[in-house]
PDB file of N, CA and C in Angstrom:
ATOM      1  N   MET A   1     109.845 -94.540-146.958  1.00  0.00           N
ATOM      2  CA  MET A   1     108.520 -94.530-147.570  1.00  0.00           C
ATOM      3  C   MET A   1     107.499 -95.046-146.563  1.00  0.00           C
ATOM      4  N   SER A   2     106.370 -94.389-146.481  1.00  0.00           N
ATOM      5  CA  SER A   2     105.388 -94.797-145.482  1.00  0.00           C
ATOM      6  C   SER A   2     104.644 -96.048-145.933  1.00  0.00           C
ATOM      7  N   LYS A   3     104.157 -96.774-144.958  1.00  0.00           N
ATOM      8  CA  LYS A   3     103.350 -97.963-145.218  1.00  0.00           C
ATOM      9  C   LYS A   3     101.950 -97.517-145.622  1.00  0.00           C
ATOM     10  N   THR A   4     101.272 -98.386-146.385  1.00  0.00           N
ATOM     11  CA  THR A   4      99.892 -98.107-146.774  1.00  0.00           C
ATOM     12  C   THR A   4      98.963 -99.079-146.062  1.00  0.00           C
ATOM     13  N   ALA A   5      97.732 -98.634-145.838  1.00  0.00           N
ATOM     14  CA  ALA A   5      96.773 -99.464-145.112  1.00  0.00           C
ATOM     15  C   ALA A   5      95.363 -99.208-145.618  1.00  0.00           C
ATOM     16  N   ILE A   6      94.511-100.208-145.399  1.00  0.00           N
ATOM     17  CA  ILE A   6      93.073-100.006-145.512  1.00  0.00           C
ATOM     18  C   ILE A   6      92.484-100.291-144.134  1.00  0.00           C
ATOM     19  N   VAL A   7      91.415 -99.582-143.816  1.00  0.00           N
ATOM     20  CA  VAL A   7      90.766 -99.702-142.516  1.00  0.00           C
ATOM     21  C   VAL A   7      89.313-100.091-142.751  1.00  0.00           C
ATOM     22  N   ILE A   8      88.903-101.201-142.127  1.00  0.00           N
ATOM     23  CA  ILE A   8      87.555-101.717-142.321  1.00  0.00           C
ATOM     24  C   ILE A   8      86.885-101.912-140.964  1.00  0.00           C
ATOM     25  N   ASP A   9      85.743-101.256-140.770  1.00  0.00           N
ATOM     26  CA  ASP A   9      84.942-101.412-139.551  1.00  0.00           C
ATOM     27  C   ASP A   9      83.543-100.925-139.897  1.00  0.00           C
ATOM     28  N   ASP A  10      82.525-101.529-139.311  1.00  0.00           N
ATOM     29  CA  ASP A  10      81.162-101.118-139.639  1.00  0.00           C
ATOM     30  C   ASP A  10      80.763 -99.805-138.963  1.00  0.00           C
ATOM     31  N   ASP A  11      81.578 -99.311-138.049  1.00  0.00           N
ATOM     32  CA  ASP A  11      81.303 -98.042-137.391  1.00  0.00           C
ATOM     33  C   ASP A  11      82.086 -96.926-138.095  1.00  0.00           C
ATOM     34  N   TYR A  12      81.368 -96.008-138.711  1.00  0.00           N
ATOM     35  CA  TYR A  12      82.002 -94.943-139.502  1.00  0.00           C
ATOM     36  C   TYR A  12      82.944 -94.085-138.662  1.00  0.00           C
ATOM     37  N   ASP A  13      82.527 -93.752-137.436  1.00  0.00           N
ATOM     38  CA  ASP A  13      83.375 -92.930-136.573  1.00  0.00           C
ATOM     39  C   ASP A  13      84.671 -93.647-136.221  1.00  0.00           C
ATOM     40  N   THR A  14      84.587 -94.948-135.969  1.00  0.00           N
ATOM     41  CA  THR A  14      85.789 -95.726-135.663  1.00  0.00           C
ATOM     42  C   THR A  14      86.747 -95.701-136.842  1.00  0.00           C
ATOM     43  N   VAL A  15      86.230 -95.886-138.044  1.00  0.00           N
ATOM     44  CA  VAL A  15      87.077 -95.871-139.245  1.00  0.00           C
ATOM     45  C   VAL A  15      87.775 -94.518-139.379  1.00  0.00           C
ATOM     46  N   ASP A  16      87.028 -93.437-139.219  1.00  0.00           N
ATOM     47  CA  ASP A  16      87.617 -92.101-139.372  1.00  0.00           C
ATOM     48  C   ASP A  16      88.656 -91.808-138.291  1.00  0.00           C
ATOM     49  N   THR A  17      88.323 -92.100-137.043  1.00  0.00           N
ATOM     50  CA  THR A  17      89.253 -91.836-135.941  1.00  0.00           C
ATOM     51  C   THR A  17      90.505 -92.683-136.066  1.00  0.00           C
ATOM     52  N   PHE A  18      90.325 -93.963-136.354  1.00  0.00           N
ATOM     53  CA  PHE A  18      91.460 -94.873-136.486  1.00  0.00           C
ATOM     54  C   PHE A  18      92.341 -94.454-137.665  1.00  0.00           C
ATOM     55  N   SER A  19      91.730 -94.060-138.761  1.00  0.00           N
ATOM     56  CA  SER A  19      92.490 -93.604-139.931  1.00  0.00           C
ATOM     57  C   SER A  19      93.331 -92.381-139.592  1.00  0.00           C
ATOM     58  N   GLU A  20      92.753 -91.448-138.843  1.00  0.00           N
ATOM     59  CA  GLU A  20      93.504 -90.260-138.427  1.00  0.00           C
ATOM     60  C   GLU A  20      94.698 -90.642-137.555  1.00  0.00           C
ATOM     61  N   LEU A  21      94.499 -91.580-136.632  1.00  0.00           N
ATOM     62  CA  LEU A  21      95.599 -92.034-135.773  1.00  0.00           C
ATOM     63  C   LEU A  21      96.717 -92.662-136.596  1.00  0.00           C
ATOM     64  N   LEU A  22      96.345 -93.460-137.587  1.00  0.00           N
ATOM     65  CA  LEU A  22      97.355 -94.083-138.448  1.00  0.00           C
ATOM     66  C   LEU A  22      98.126 -93.028-139.231  1.00  0.00           C
ATOM     67  N   GLU A  23      97.411 -92.059-139.790  1.00  0.00           N
ATOM     68  CA  GLU A  23      98.057 -90.994-140.562  1.00  0.00           C
ATOM     69  C   GLU A  23      99.048 -90.217-139.689  1.00  0.00           C
ATOM     70  N   GLU A  24      98.695 -89.998-138.417  1.00  0.00           N
ATOM     71  CA  GLU A  24      99.607 -89.315-137.491  1.00  0.00           C
ATOM     72  C   GLU A  24     100.894 -90.116-137.278  1.00  0.00           C
ATOM     73  N   GLN A  25     100.813 -91.432-137.496  1.00  0.00           N
ATOM     74  CA  GLN A  25     101.972 -92.316-137.332  1.00  0.00           C
ATOM     75  C   GLN A  25     102.665 -92.588-138.674  1.00  0.00           C
ATOM     76  N   GLN A  26     102.386 -91.765-139.678  1.00  0.00           N
ATOM     77  CA  GLN A  26     102.962 -91.880-141.019  1.00  0.00           C
ATOM     78  C   GLN A  26     102.583 -93.198-141.706  1.00  0.00           C
ATOM     79  N   ILE A  27     101.389 -93.678-141.438  1.00  0.00           N
ATOM     80  CA  ILE A  27     100.831 -94.832-142.141  1.00  0.00           C
ATOM     81  C   ILE A  27      99.721 -94.269-143.029  1.00  0.00           C
ATOM     82  N   THR A  28      99.894 -94.377-144.344  1.00  0.00           N
ATOM     83  CA  THR A  28      98.968 -93.775-145.297  1.00  0.00           C
ATOM     84  C   THR A  28      97.749 -94.668-145.502  1.00  0.00           C
ATOM     85  N   VAL A  29      96.579 -94.152-145.181  1.00  0.00           N
ATOM     86  CA  VAL A  29      95.336 -94.901-145.367  1.00  0.00           C
ATOM     87  C   VAL A  29      94.868 -94.678-146.803  1.00  0.00           C
ATOM     88  N   VAL A  30      94.912 -95.749-147.608  1.00  0.00           N
ATOM     89  CA  VAL A  30      94.549 -95.651-149.023  1.00  0.00           C
ATOM     90  C   VAL A  30      93.104 -96.065-149.282  1.00  0.00           C
ATOM     91  N   GLY A  31      92.436 -96.604-148.253  1.00  0.00           N
ATOM     92  CA  GLY A  31      91.048 -96.995-148.423  1.00  0.00           C
ATOM     93  C   GLY A  31      90.354 -97.189-147.092  1.00  0.00           C
ATOM     94  N   LYS A  32      89.061 -96.829-147.075  1.00  0.00           N
ATOM     95  CA  LYS A  32      88.230 -97.007-145.886  1.00  0.00           C
ATOM     96  C   LYS A  32      87.000 -97.792-146.303  1.00  0.00           C
ATOM     97  N   GLY A  33      86.647 -98.795-145.514  1.00  0.00           N
ATOM     98  CA  GLY A  33      85.476 -99.596-145.827  1.00  0.00           C
ATOM     99  C   GLY A  33      84.680 -99.906-144.580  1.00  0.00           C
ATOM    100  N   TYR A  34      83.459-100.415-144.806  1.00  0.00           N
ATOM    101  CA  TYR A  34      82.525-100.568-143.706  1.00  0.00           C
ATOM    102  C   TYR A  34      81.890-101.949-143.629  1.00  0.00           C
ATOM    103  N   ASN A  35      82.371-102.890-144.454  1.00  0.00           N
ATOM    104  CA  ASN A  35      81.858-104.259-144.414  1.00  0.00           C
ATOM    105  C   ASN A  35      82.867-105.193-145.088  1.00  0.00           C
ATOM    106  N   GLY A  36      82.579-106.477-145.024  1.00  0.00           N
ATOM    107  CA  GLY A  36      83.496-107.462-145.589  1.00  0.00           C
ATOM    108  C   GLY A  36      83.716-107.300-147.081  1.00  0.00           C
ATOM    109  N   LYS A  37      82.669-106.970-147.811  1.00  0.00           N
ATOM    110  CA  LYS A  37      82.801-106.776-149.259  1.00  0.00           C
ATOM    111  C   LYS A  37      83.738-105.610-149.563  1.00  0.00           C
ATOM    112  N   ASP A  38      83.591-104.513-148.814  1.00  0.00           N
ATOM    113  CA  ASP A  38      84.503-103.375-148.987  1.00  0.00           C
ATOM    114  C   ASP A  38      85.950-103.805-148.771  1.00  0.00           C
ATOM    115  N   ALA A  39      86.180-104.627-147.756  1.00  0.00           N
ATOM    116  CA  ALA A  39      87.545-105.078-147.443  1.00  0.00           C
ATOM    117  C   ALA A  39      88.165-105.788-148.636  1.00  0.00           C
ATOM    118  N   ILE A  40      87.420-106.706-149.214  1.00  0.00           N
ATOM    119  CA  ILE A  40      87.926-107.483-150.351  1.00  0.00           C
ATOM    120  C   ILE A  40      88.154-106.572-151.559  1.00  0.00           C
ATOM    121  N   ASP A  41      87.181-105.715-151.850  1.00  0.00           N
ATOM    122  CA  ASP A  41      87.299-104.803-152.997  1.00  0.00           C
ATOM    123  C   ASP A  41      88.474-103.839-152.839  1.00  0.00           C
ATOM    124  N   LEU A  42      88.620-103.256-151.653  1.00  0.00           N
ATOM    125  CA  LEU A  42      89.707-102.303-151.422  1.00  0.00           C
ATOM    126  C   LEU A  42      91.069-102.986-151.455  1.00  0.00           C
ATOM    127  N   PHE A  43      91.142-104.204-150.936  1.00  0.00           N
ATOM    128  CA  PHE A  43      92.412-104.929-150.991  1.00  0.00           C
ATOM    129  C   PHE A  43      92.786-105.203-152.445  1.00  0.00           C
ATOM    130  N   SER A  44      91.824-105.654-153.229  1.00  0.00           N
ATOM    131  CA  SER A  44      92.086-105.940-154.644  1.00  0.00           C
ATOM    132  C   SER A  44      92.529-104.688-155.396  1.00  0.00           C
ATOM    133  N   LYS A  45      91.927-103.562-155.081  1.00  0.00           N
ATOM    134  CA  LYS A  45      92.220-102.311-155.785  1.00  0.00           C
ATOM    135  C   LYS A  45      93.561-101.706-155.379  1.00  0.00           C
ATOM    136  N   HIS A  46      93.890-101.728-154.083  1.00  0.00           N
ATOM    137  CA  HIS A  46      95.045-100.979-153.580  1.00  0.00           C
ATOM    138  C   HIS A  46      96.259-101.822-153.199  1.00  0.00           C
ATOM    139  N   SER A  47      96.096-103.124-152.970  1.00  0.00           N
ATOM    140  CA  SER A  47      97.199-103.976-152.488  1.00  0.00           C
ATOM    141  C   SER A  47      98.001-103.282-151.379  1.00  0.00           C
ATOM    142  N   PRO A  48      97.343-102.924-150.280  1.00  0.00           N
ATOM    143  CA  PRO A  48      98.035-102.188-149.218  1.00  0.00           C
ATOM    144  C   PRO A  48      99.057-103.059-148.490  1.00  0.00           C
ATOM    145  N   ASP A  49      99.957-102.382-147.778  1.00  0.00           N
ATOM    146  CA  ASP A  49     100.935-103.104-146.964  1.00  0.00           C
ATOM    147  C   ASP A  49     100.263-103.834-145.810  1.00  0.00           C
ATOM    148  N   VAL A  50      99.182-103.267-145.301  1.00  0.00           N
ATOM    149  CA  VAL A  50      98.494-103.864-144.155  1.00  0.00           C
ATOM    150  C   VAL A  50      96.992-103.600-144.244  1.00  0.00           C
ATOM    151  N   VAL A  51      96.232-104.580-143.754  1.00  0.00           N
ATOM    152  CA  VAL A  51      94.774-104.497-143.707  1.00  0.00           C
ATOM    153  C   VAL A  51      94.354-104.533-142.243  1.00  0.00           C
ATOM    154  N   PHE A  52      93.603-103.532-141.814  1.00  0.00           N
ATOM    155  CA  PHE A  52      93.000-103.541-140.485  1.00  0.00           C
ATOM    156  C   PHE A  52      91.532-103.865-140.682  1.00  0.00           C
ATOM    157  N   VAL A  53      91.071-104.959-140.084  1.00  0.00           N
ATOM    158  CA  VAL A  53      89.688-105.370-140.316  1.00  0.00           C
ATOM    159  C   VAL A  53      89.015-105.784-139.010  1.00  0.00           C
ATOM    160  N   ASP A  54      87.845-105.195-138.779  1.00  0.00           N
ATOM    161  CA  ASP A  54      87.011-105.587-137.650  1.00  0.00           C
ATOM    162  C   ASP A  54      86.446-106.973-137.957  1.00  0.00           C
ATOM    163  N   ILE A  55      86.230-107.760-136.936  1.00  0.00           N
ATOM    164  CA  ILE A  55      85.787-109.136-137.151  1.00  0.00           C
ATOM    165  C   ILE A  55      84.277-109.243-137.338  1.00  0.00           C
ATOM    166  N   MET A  56      83.499-108.544-136.546  1.00  0.00           N
ATOM    167  CA  MET A  56      82.049-108.681-136.607  1.00  0.00           C
ATOM    168  C   MET A  56      81.429-107.492-137.335  1.00  0.00           C
ATOM    169  N   MET A  57      81.001-107.761-138.581  1.00  0.00           N
ATOM    170  CA  MET A  57      80.402-106.705-139.406  1.00  0.00           C
ATOM    171  C   MET A  57      79.253-107.283-140.223  1.00  0.00           C
ATOM    172  N   PRO A  58      78.302-106.422-140.617  1.00  0.00           N
ATOM    173  CA  PRO A  58      77.241-106.880-141.512  1.00  0.00           C
ATOM    174  C   PRO A  58      77.794-107.112-142.923  1.00  0.00           C
ATOM    175  N   ASP A  59      77.021-107.745-143.769  1.00  0.00           N
ATOM    176  CA  ASP A  59      77.396-107.946-145.177  1.00  0.00           C
ATOM    177  C   ASP A  59      78.712-108.710-145.308  1.00  0.00           C
ATOM    178  N   GLY A  60      78.851-109.738-144.516  1.00  0.00           N
ATOM    179  CA  GLY A  60      80.074-110.541-144.546  1.00  0.00           C
ATOM    180  C   GLY A  60      80.934-110.193-143.355  1.00  0.00           C
ATOM    181  N   THR A  61      81.229-111.161-142.544  1.00  0.00           N
ATOM    182  CA  THR A  61      82.031-110.892-141.355  1.00  0.00           C
ATOM    183  C   THR A  61      83.479-110.638-141.723  1.00  0.00           C
ATOM    184  N   GLY A  62      84.231-110.177-140.759  1.00  0.00           N
ATOM    185  CA  GLY A  62      85.665-110.007-140.946  1.00  0.00           C
ATOM    186  C   GLY A  62      86.344-111.322-141.276  1.00  0.00           C
ATOM    187  N   PHE A  63      85.848-112.424-140.699  1.00  0.00           N
ATOM    188  CA  PHE A  63      86.431-113.738-141.007  1.00  0.00           C
ATOM    189  C   PHE A  63      86.320-114.040-142.495  1.00  0.00           C
ATOM    190  N   HIS A  64      85.154-113.765-143.063  1.00  0.00           N
ATOM    191  CA  HIS A  64      84.927-113.990-144.495  1.00  0.00           C
ATOM    192  C   HIS A  64      85.884-113.129-145.322  1.00  0.00           C
ATOM    193  N   ALA A  65      86.027-111.878-144.930  1.00  0.00           N
ATOM    194  CA  ALA A  65      86.932-110.972-145.649  1.00  0.00           C
ATOM    195  C   ALA A  65      88.368-111.468-145.570  1.00  0.00           C
ATOM    196  N   ILE A  66      88.796-111.890-144.386  1.00  0.00           N
ATOM    197  CA  ILE A  66      90.168-112.380-144.219  1.00  0.00           C
ATOM    198  C   ILE A  66      90.420-113.585-145.115  1.00  0.00           C
ATOM    199  N   ARG A  67      89.486-114.537-145.103  1.00  0.00           N
ATOM    200  CA  ARG A  67      89.647-115.735-145.954  1.00  0.00           C
ATOM    201  C   ARG A  67      89.796-115.348-147.423  1.00  0.00           C
ATOM    202  N   ASN A  68      88.967-114.426-147.878  1.00  0.00           N
ATOM    203  CA  ASN A  68      89.005-114.037-149.290  1.00  0.00           C
ATOM    204  C   ASN A  68      90.240-113.217-149.638  1.00  0.00           C
ATOM    205  N   ILE A  69      90.684-112.367-148.739  1.00  0.00           N
ATOM    206  CA  ILE A  69      91.918-111.615-148.980  1.00  0.00           C
ATOM    207  C   ILE A  69      93.095-112.577-149.052  1.00  0.00           C
ATOM    208  N   LYS A  70      93.112-113.581-148.181  1.00  0.00           N
ATOM    209  CA  LYS A  70      94.193-114.573-148.195  1.00  0.00           C
ATOM    210  C   LYS A  70      94.183-115.384-149.496  1.00  0.00           C
ATOM    211  N   LYS A  71      93.009-115.567-150.106  1.00  0.00           N
ATOM    212  CA  LYS A  71      92.944-116.245-151.406  1.00  0.00           C
ATOM    213  C   LYS A  71      93.587-115.381-152.492  1.00  0.00           C
ATOM    214  N   ILE A  72      93.440-114.076-152.369  1.00  0.00           N
ATOM    215  CA  ILE A  72      94.042-113.152-153.332  1.00  0.00           C
ATOM    216  C   ILE A  72      95.549-113.097-153.134  1.00  0.00           C
ATOM    217  N   ASN A  73      95.977-113.009-151.872  1.00  0.00           N
ATOM    218  CA  ASN A  73      97.404-112.949-151.543  1.00  0.00           C
ATOM    219  C   ASN A  73      97.605-113.609-150.185  1.00  0.00           C
ATOM    220  N   ASP A  74      98.127-114.828-150.199  1.00  0.00           N
ATOM    221  CA  ASP A  74      98.263-115.570-148.943  1.00  0.00           C
ATOM    222  C   ASP A  74      99.292-114.960-147.992  1.00  0.00           C
ATOM    223  N   LYS A  75     100.063-113.989-148.468  1.00  0.00           N
ATOM    224  CA  LYS A  75     101.042-113.317-147.612  1.00  0.00           C
ATOM    225  C   LYS A  75     100.546-111.946-147.132  1.00  0.00           C
ATOM    226  N   ALA A  76      99.287-111.648-147.375  1.00  0.00           N
ATOM    227  CA  ALA A  76      98.727-110.357-146.962  1.00  0.00           C
ATOM    228  C   ALA A  76      98.895-110.169-145.458  1.00  0.00           C
ATOM    229  N   LYS A  77      99.303-108.973-145.077  1.00  0.00           N
ATOM    230  CA  LYS A  77      99.485-108.633-143.664  1.00  0.00           C
ATOM    231  C   LYS A  77      98.151-108.103-143.152  1.00  0.00           C
ATOM    232  N   ILE A  78      97.485-108.921-142.352  1.00  0.00           N
ATOM    233  CA  ILE A  78      96.163-108.575-141.848  1.00  0.00           C
ATOM    234  C   ILE A  78      96.223-108.476-140.332  1.00  0.00           C
ATOM    235  N   ILE A  79      95.719-107.371-139.815  1.00  0.00           N
ATOM    236  CA  ILE A  79      95.612-107.179-138.375  1.00  0.00           C
ATOM    237  C   ILE A  79      94.129-107.110-138.044  1.00  0.00           C
ATOM    238  N   ALA A  80      93.671-108.091-137.283  1.00  0.00           N
ATOM    239  CA  ALA A  80      92.268-108.173-136.907  1.00  0.00           C
ATOM    240  C   ALA A  80      92.006-107.260-135.713  1.00  0.00           C
ATOM    241  N   ILE A  81      90.841-106.641-135.729  1.00  0.00           N
ATOM    242  CA  ILE A  81      90.418-105.755-134.647  1.00  0.00           C
ATOM    243  C   ILE A  81      89.109-106.302-134.098  1.00  0.00           C
ATOM    244  N   THR A  82      89.026-106.428-132.775  1.00  0.00           N
ATOM    245  CA  THR A  82      87.808-106.974-132.198  1.00  0.00           C
ATOM    246  C   THR A  82      87.639-106.566-130.740  1.00  0.00           C
ATOM    247  N   ALA A  83      86.402-106.593-130.291  1.00  0.00           N
ATOM    248  CA  ALA A  83      86.093-106.441-128.872  1.00  0.00           C
ATOM    249  C   ALA A  83      85.747-107.811-128.289  1.00  0.00           C
ATOM    250  N   ASP A  84      85.753-108.833-129.134  1.00  0.00           N
ATOM    251  CA  ASP A  84      85.379-110.196-128.754  1.00  0.00           C
ATOM    252  C   ASP A  84      86.567-110.891-128.090  1.00  0.00           C
ATOM    253  N   LEU A  85      86.438-111.188-126.814  1.00  0.00           N
ATOM    254  CA  LEU A  85      87.530-111.793-126.054  1.00  0.00           C
ATOM    255  C   LEU A  85      87.433-113.313-125.957  1.00  0.00           C
ATOM    256  N   LYS A  86      86.482-113.929-126.660  1.00  0.00           N
ATOM    257  CA  LYS A  86      86.321-115.382-126.563  1.00  0.00           C
ATOM    258  C   LYS A  86      87.546-116.106-127.128  1.00  0.00           C
ATOM    259  N   PRO A  87      88.016-117.142-126.429  1.00  0.00           N
ATOM    260  CA  PRO A  87      89.149-117.925-126.945  1.00  0.00           C
ATOM    261  C   PRO A  87      88.878-118.507-128.333  1.00  0.00           C
ATOM    262  N   SER A  88      87.635-118.860-128.629  1.00  0.00           N
ATOM    263  CA  SER A  88      87.324-119.443-129.942  1.00  0.00           C
ATOM    264  C   SER A  88      87.581-118.435-131.071  1.00  0.00           C
ATOM    265  N   THR A  89      87.341-117.167-130.807  1.00  0.00           N
ATOM    266  CA  THR A  89      87.618-116.130-131.809  1.00  0.00           C
ATOM    267  C   THR A  89      89.112-116.039-132.066  1.00  0.00           C
ATOM    268  N   ASN A  90      89.884-116.032-131.001  1.00  0.00           N
ATOM    269  CA  ASN A  90      91.338-115.984-131.119  1.00  0.00           C
ATOM    270  C   ASN A  90      91.855-117.192-131.901  1.00  0.00           C
ATOM    271  N   GLU A  91      91.316-118.372-131.622  1.00  0.00           N
ATOM    272  CA  GLU A  91      91.730-119.592-132.330  1.00  0.00           C
ATOM    273  C   GLU A  91      91.415-119.501-133.823  1.00  0.00           C
ATOM    274  N   LYS A  92      90.228-119.014-134.169  1.00  0.00           N
ATOM    275  CA  LYS A  92      89.862-118.860-135.584  1.00  0.00           C
ATOM    276  C   LYS A  92      90.833-117.925-136.298  1.00  0.00           C
ATOM    277  N   LEU A  93      91.181-116.838-135.634  1.00  0.00           N
ATOM    278  CA  LEU A  93      92.097-115.871-136.242  1.00  0.00           C
ATOM    279  C   LEU A  93      93.487-116.461-136.427  1.00  0.00           C
ATOM    280  N   MET A  94      93.939-117.246-135.471  1.00  0.00           N
ATOM    281  CA  MET A  94      95.248-117.885-135.608  1.00  0.00           C
ATOM    282  C   MET A  94      95.221-118.910-136.746  1.00  0.00           C
ATOM    283  N   ASP A  95      94.111-119.632-136.875  1.00  0.00           N
ATOM    284  CA  ASP A  95      93.965-120.583-137.990  1.00  0.00           C
ATOM    285  C   ASP A  95      94.027-119.863-139.337  1.00  0.00           C
ATOM    286  N   LEU A  96      93.531-118.643-139.385  1.00  0.00           N
ATOM    287  CA  LEU A  96      93.560-117.850-140.618  1.00  0.00           C
ATOM    288  C   LEU A  96      94.908-117.164-140.833  1.00  0.00           C
ATOM    289  N   LYS A  97      95.799-117.325-139.867  1.00  0.00           N
ATOM    290  CA  LYS A  97      97.163-116.783-139.958  1.00  0.00           C
ATOM    291  C   LYS A  97      97.187-115.261-140.120  1.00  0.00           C
ATOM    292  N   VAL A  98      96.392-114.582-139.283  1.00  0.00           N
ATOM    293  CA  VAL A  98      96.477-113.126-139.286  1.00  0.00           C
ATOM    294  C   VAL A  98      97.815-112.718-138.683  1.00  0.00           C
ATOM    295  N   HIS A  99      98.278-111.557-139.066  1.00  0.00           N
ATOM    296  CA  HIS A  99      99.572-111.059-138.594  1.00  0.00           C
ATOM    297  C   HIS A  99      99.498-110.612-137.134  1.00  0.00           C
ATOM    298  N   GLY A 100      98.341-110.113-136.739  1.00  0.00           N
ATOM    299  CA  GLY A 100      98.192-109.634-135.372  1.00  0.00           C
ATOM    300  C   GLY A 100      96.737-109.464-135.007  1.00  0.00           C
ATOM    301  N   LEU A 101      96.523-109.287-133.715  1.00  0.00           N
ATOM    302  CA  LEU A 101      95.179-109.107-133.179  1.00  0.00           C
ATOM    303  C   LEU A 101      95.230-107.943-132.203  1.00  0.00           C
ATOM    304  N   VAL A 102      94.327-106.993-132.379  1.00  0.00           N
ATOM    305  CA  VAL A 102      94.246-105.836-131.495  1.00  0.00           C
ATOM    306  C   VAL A 102      92.826-105.779-130.945  1.00  0.00           C
ATOM    307  N   TYR A 103      92.746-105.677-129.623  1.00  0.00           N
ATOM    308  CA  TYR A 103      91.438-105.584-128.978  1.00  0.00           C
ATOM    309  C   TYR A 103      91.014-104.128-128.833  1.00  0.00           C
ATOM    310  N   LYS A 104      89.706-103.920-128.952  1.00  0.00           N
ATOM    311  CA  LYS A 104      89.148-102.598-128.702  1.00  0.00           C
ATOM    312  C   LYS A 104      89.048-102.415-127.192  1.00  0.00           C
ATOM    313  N   PRO A 105      89.315-101.240-126.633  1.00  0.00           N
ATOM    314  CA  PRO A 105      89.729-100.029-127.326  1.00  0.00           C
ATOM    315  C   PRO A 105      91.142-100.179-127.894  1.00  0.00           C
ATOM    316  N   LEU A 106      91.403 -99.477-128.972  1.00  0.00           N
ATOM    317  CA  LEU A 106      92.635 -99.649-129.734  1.00  0.00           C
ATOM    318  C   LEU A 106      93.861 -99.082-129.019  1.00  0.00           C
ATOM    319  N   ASP A 107      94.965 -99.816-129.143  1.00  0.00           N
ATOM    320  CA  ASP A 107      96.257 -99.416-128.575  1.00  0.00           C
ATOM    321  C   ASP A 107      97.163 -99.023-129.741  1.00  0.00           C
ATOM    322  N   ILE A 108      97.318 -97.721-129.987  1.00  0.00           N
ATOM    323  CA  ILE A 108      98.046 -97.251-131.170  1.00  0.00           C
ATOM    324  C   ILE A 108      99.504 -97.697-131.158  1.00  0.00           C
ATOM    325  N   GLU A 109     100.138 -97.770-129.998  1.00  0.00           N
ATOM    326  CA  GLU A 109     101.538 -98.212-129.945  1.00  0.00           C
ATOM    327  C   GLU A 109     101.676 -99.658-130.414  1.00  0.00           C
ATOM    328  N   LYS A 110     100.756-100.513-129.986  1.00  0.00           N
ATOM    329  CA  LYS A 110     100.790-101.909-130.436  1.00  0.00           C
ATOM    330  C   LYS A 110     100.537-101.979-131.938  1.00  0.00           C
ATOM    331  N   ILE A 111      99.633-101.175-132.417  1.00  0.00           N
ATOM    332  CA  ILE A 111      99.307-101.176-133.842  1.00  0.00           C
ATOM    333  C   ILE A 111     100.519-100.769-134.676  1.00  0.00           C
ATOM    334  N   VAL A 112     101.205 -99.712-134.280  1.00  0.00           N
ATOM    335  CA  VAL A 112     102.395 -99.263-135.012  1.00  0.00           C
ATOM    336  C   VAL A 112     103.462-100.355-134.989  1.00  0.00           C
ATOM    337  N   TYR A 113     103.633-101.014-133.850  1.00  0.00           N
ATOM    338  CA  TYR A 113     104.600-102.111-133.755  1.00  0.00           C
ATOM    339  C   TYR A 113     104.252-103.226-134.750  1.00  0.00           C
ATOM    340  N   LEU A 114     102.984-103.624-134.791  1.00  0.00           N
ATOM    341  CA  LEU A 114     102.564-104.699-135.696  1.00  0.00           C
ATOM    342  C   LEU A 114     102.756-104.319-137.158  1.00  0.00           C
ATOM    343  N   VAL A 115     102.495-103.078-137.500  1.00  0.00           N
ATOM    344  CA  VAL A 115     102.671-102.630-138.885  1.00  0.00           C
ATOM    345  C   VAL A 115     104.136-102.709-139.287  1.00  0.00           C
ATOM    346  N   ASN A 116     105.009-102.309-138.401  1.00  0.00           N
ATOM    347  CA  ASN A 116     106.430-102.210-138.728  1.00  0.00           C
ATOM    348  C   ASN A 116     107.222-103.489-138.521  1.00  0.00           C
ATOM    349  N   ASN A 117     106.631-104.512-137.963  1.00  0.00           N
ATOM    350  CA  ASN A 117     107.361-105.763-137.706  1.00  0.00           C
ATOM    351  C   ASN A 117     106.649-106.960-138.296  1.00  0.00           C
TER     352      ASN A 117
END
C-alpha cells in the first residue's frame, strides 16, 4: 500500500512539481496547501503518513504549523523543507522533533528514503 502525504509550500509551482515527483515514487498526495493554516487543516482532515512543509510561509510559518500538527499527533511524521541554511533553523527543527530536513533544491532520493524509514 502506498504512503500518503500532504505537501505545503507557499509557491504553487513548487507544490505541483513536488507532488508530481512524489506520485512518481508511489507516494499518494492527498492534500496540497500553501500556508501554515492549510497544513494544519489538511493534516486534521487526512491524517497522512507524512507531512512535507516549507518553513518560511505567509499566514503562519512552517514552525507554527509543525507545532500545531504535533499537538494533534505528537508522532506525526513531518519532513521540513527549507532553503534556510542557518544553524539556528536546524536547531529549532530538531527541538520540534521533525522526522527529517530536506534543503532546496529538493533531492527526491533523500525524500523517498525519509518517507520509507
